[in-house]
Amino acid sequence: MKTANRSSEAIRNWVPLAAVAAGIVFVIAFVLGLPPDRTIVASALAAIMVFSGFFFRSFGKDSDTYRKKSDSV
């Protein structure tokens, strides 16, 4: 993956997963009967945590530059 294209690639790939995480938290909080303000805050925090984790992971090392481990003992 090219360095200049990593941020747009991450946004396109990880925003849907962040939305799914927020939706899961929203449903669980709604079932538990939490107040609406806490439900919204919890959903937003879950989405931010998931997106930021994947976003920063996209700026890590490329898989082809990882050192190959040998299977020998």
C-alpha atoms as a PDB file:
ATOM      1  CA  MET A   1       0.000   0.000   0.000  1.00  0.00           C
ATOM      2  CA  LYS A   2       1.377   3.423  -0.887  1.00  0.00           C
ATOM      3  CA  THR A   3       2.094   5.884   1.909  1.00  0.00           C
ATOM      4  CA  ALA A   4       0.068   8.724   0.362  1.00  0.00           C
ATOM      5  CA  ASN A   5      -3.002   6.546  -0.103  1.00  0.00           C
ATOM      6  CA  ARG A   6      -3.077   4.951   3.364  1.00  0.00           C
ATOM      7  CA  SER A   7      -5.384   7.441   5.073  1.00  0.00           C
ATOM      8  CA  SER A   8      -8.086   7.348   2.382  1.00  0.00           C
ATOM      9  CA  GLU A   9      -7.777   3.566   2.183  1.00  0.00           C
ATOM     10  CA  ALA A  10      -8.173   3.289   5.955  1.00  0.00           C
ATOM     11  CA  ILE A  11     -11.196   5.568   6.004  1.00  0.00           C
ATOM     12  CA  ARG A  12     -12.898   3.624   3.226  1.00  0.00           C
ATOM     13  CA  ASN A  13     -12.241   0.263   4.874  1.00  0.00           C
ATOM     14  CA  TRP A  14     -12.626   0.957   8.592  1.00  0.00           C
ATOM     15  CA  VAL A  15     -15.527   3.437   8.826  1.00  0.00           C
ATOM     16  CA  PRO A  16     -18.102   0.684   8.145  1.00  0.00           C
ATOM     17  CA  LEU A  17     -16.591  -1.460  10.903  1.00  0.00           C
ATOM     18  CA  ALA A  18     -16.681   1.491  13.290  1.00  0.00           C
ATOM     19  CA  ALA A  19     -20.349   2.012  12.427  1.00  0.00           C
ATOM     20  CA  VAL A  20     -21.075  -1.664  13.123  1.00  0.00           C
ATOM     21  CA  ALA A  21     -19.338  -1.392  16.507  1.00  0.00           C
ATOM     22  CA  ALA A  22     -21.400   1.688  17.349  1.00  0.00           C
ATOM     23  CA  GLY A  23     -24.571  -0.116  16.305  1.00  0.00           C
ATOM     24  CA  ILE A  24     -23.807  -3.115  18.501  1.00  0.00           C
ATOM     25  CA  VAL A  25     -23.173  -0.894  21.511  1.00  0.00           C
ATOM     26  CA  PHE A  26     -26.347   1.091  20.763  1.00  0.00           C
ATOM     27  CA  VAL A  27     -28.504  -2.045  20.659  1.00  0.00           C
ATOM     28  CA  ILE A  28     -26.992  -3.475  23.856  1.00  0.00           C
ATOM     29  CA  ALA A  29     -27.414  -0.165  25.692  1.00  0.00           C
ATOM     30  CA  PHE A  30     -30.997   0.134  24.453  1.00  0.00           C
ATOM     31  CA  VAL A  31     -31.831  -3.408  25.621  1.00  0.00           C
ATOM     32  CA  LEU A  32     -30.302  -2.698  29.035  1.00  0.00           C
ATOM     33  CA  GLY A  33     -32.399   0.439  29.331  1.00  0.00           C
ATOM     34  CA  LEU A  34     -29.604   2.977  29.682  1.00  0.00           C
ATOM     35  CA  PRO A  35     -30.494   6.668  29.365  1.00  0.00           C
ATOM     36  CA  PRO A  36     -30.303   8.027  25.802  1.00  0.00           C
ATOM     37  CA  ASP A  37     -27.417  10.378  26.523  1.00  0.00           C
ATOM     38  CA  ARG A  38     -25.255   7.563  27.885  1.00  0.00           C
ATOM     39  CA  THR A  39     -26.256   5.339  24.971  1.00  0.00           C
ATOM     40  CA  ILE A  40     -25.138   7.928  22.437  1.00  0.00           C
ATOM     41  CA  VAL A  41     -21.868   8.611  24.248  1.00  0.00           C
ATOM     42  CA  ALA A  42     -21.090   4.898  24.574  1.00  0.00           C
ATOM     43  CA  SER A  43     -21.808   4.315  20.869  1.00  0.00           C
ATOM     44  CA  ALA A  44     -19.622   7.247  19.843  1.00  0.00           C
ATOM     45  CA  LEU A  45     -16.756   6.093  22.051  1.00  0.00           C
ATOM     46  CA  ALA A  46     -16.937   2.571  20.650  1.00  0.00           C
ATOM     47  CA  ALA A  47     -16.860   3.880  17.087  1.00  0.00           C
ATOM     48  CA  ILE A  48     -13.924   6.178  17.840  1.00  0.00           C
ATOM     49  CA  MET A  49     -11.947   3.412  19.531  1.00  0.00           C
ATOM     50  CA  VAL A  50     -12.484   0.915  16.709  1.00  0.00           C
ATOM     51  CA  PHE A  51     -11.734   3.429  13.968  1.00  0.00           C
ATOM     52  CA  SER A  52      -8.643   4.848  15.644  1.00  0.00           C
ATOM     53  CA  GLY A  53      -7.243   1.379  16.286  1.00  0.00           C
ATOM     54  CA  PHE A  54      -7.607   0.322  12.663  1.00  0.00           C
ATOM     55  CA  PHE A  55      -6.525   3.743  11.380  1.00  0.00           C
ATOM     56  CA  PHE A  56      -3.259   3.689  13.297  1.00  0.00           C
ATOM     57  CA  ARG A  57      -2.744   0.049  12.343  1.00  0.00           C
ATOM     58  CA  SER A  58      -2.859   1.057   8.678  1.00  0.00           C
ATOM     59  CA  PHE A  59       0.220   3.212   9.261  1.00  0.00           C
ATOM     60  CA  GLY A  60       2.184   0.294  10.719  1.00  0.00           C
ATOM     61  CA  LYS A  61       4.652  -1.908   8.907  1.00  0.00           C
ATOM     62  CA  ASP A  62       3.614  -3.553   5.676  1.00  0.00           C
ATOM     63  CA  SER A  63       3.242  -7.300   5.865  1.00  0.00           C
ATOM     64  CA  ASP A  64       5.867  -7.881   3.162  1.00  0.00           C
ATOM     65  CA  THR A  65       8.506  -6.114   5.263  1.00  0.00           C
ATOM     66  CA  TYR A  66       7.993  -8.350   8.302  1.00  0.00           C
ATOM     67  CA  ARG A  67      10.925 -10.609   9.026  1.00  0.00           C
ATOM     68  CA  LYS A  68      10.135 -14.189   8.138  1.00  0.00           C
ATOM     69  CA  LYS A  69      10.515 -16.632  11.009  1.00  0.00           C
ATOM     70  CA  SER A  70      11.972 -20.011  10.301  1.00  0.00           C
ATOM     71  CA  ASP A  71      10.186 -23.153  11.415  1.00  0.00           C
ATOM     72  CA  SER A  72      13.365 -24.783  12.646  1.00  0.00           C
ATOM     73  CA  VAL A  73      13.922 -25.370  16.343  1.00  0.00           C
END
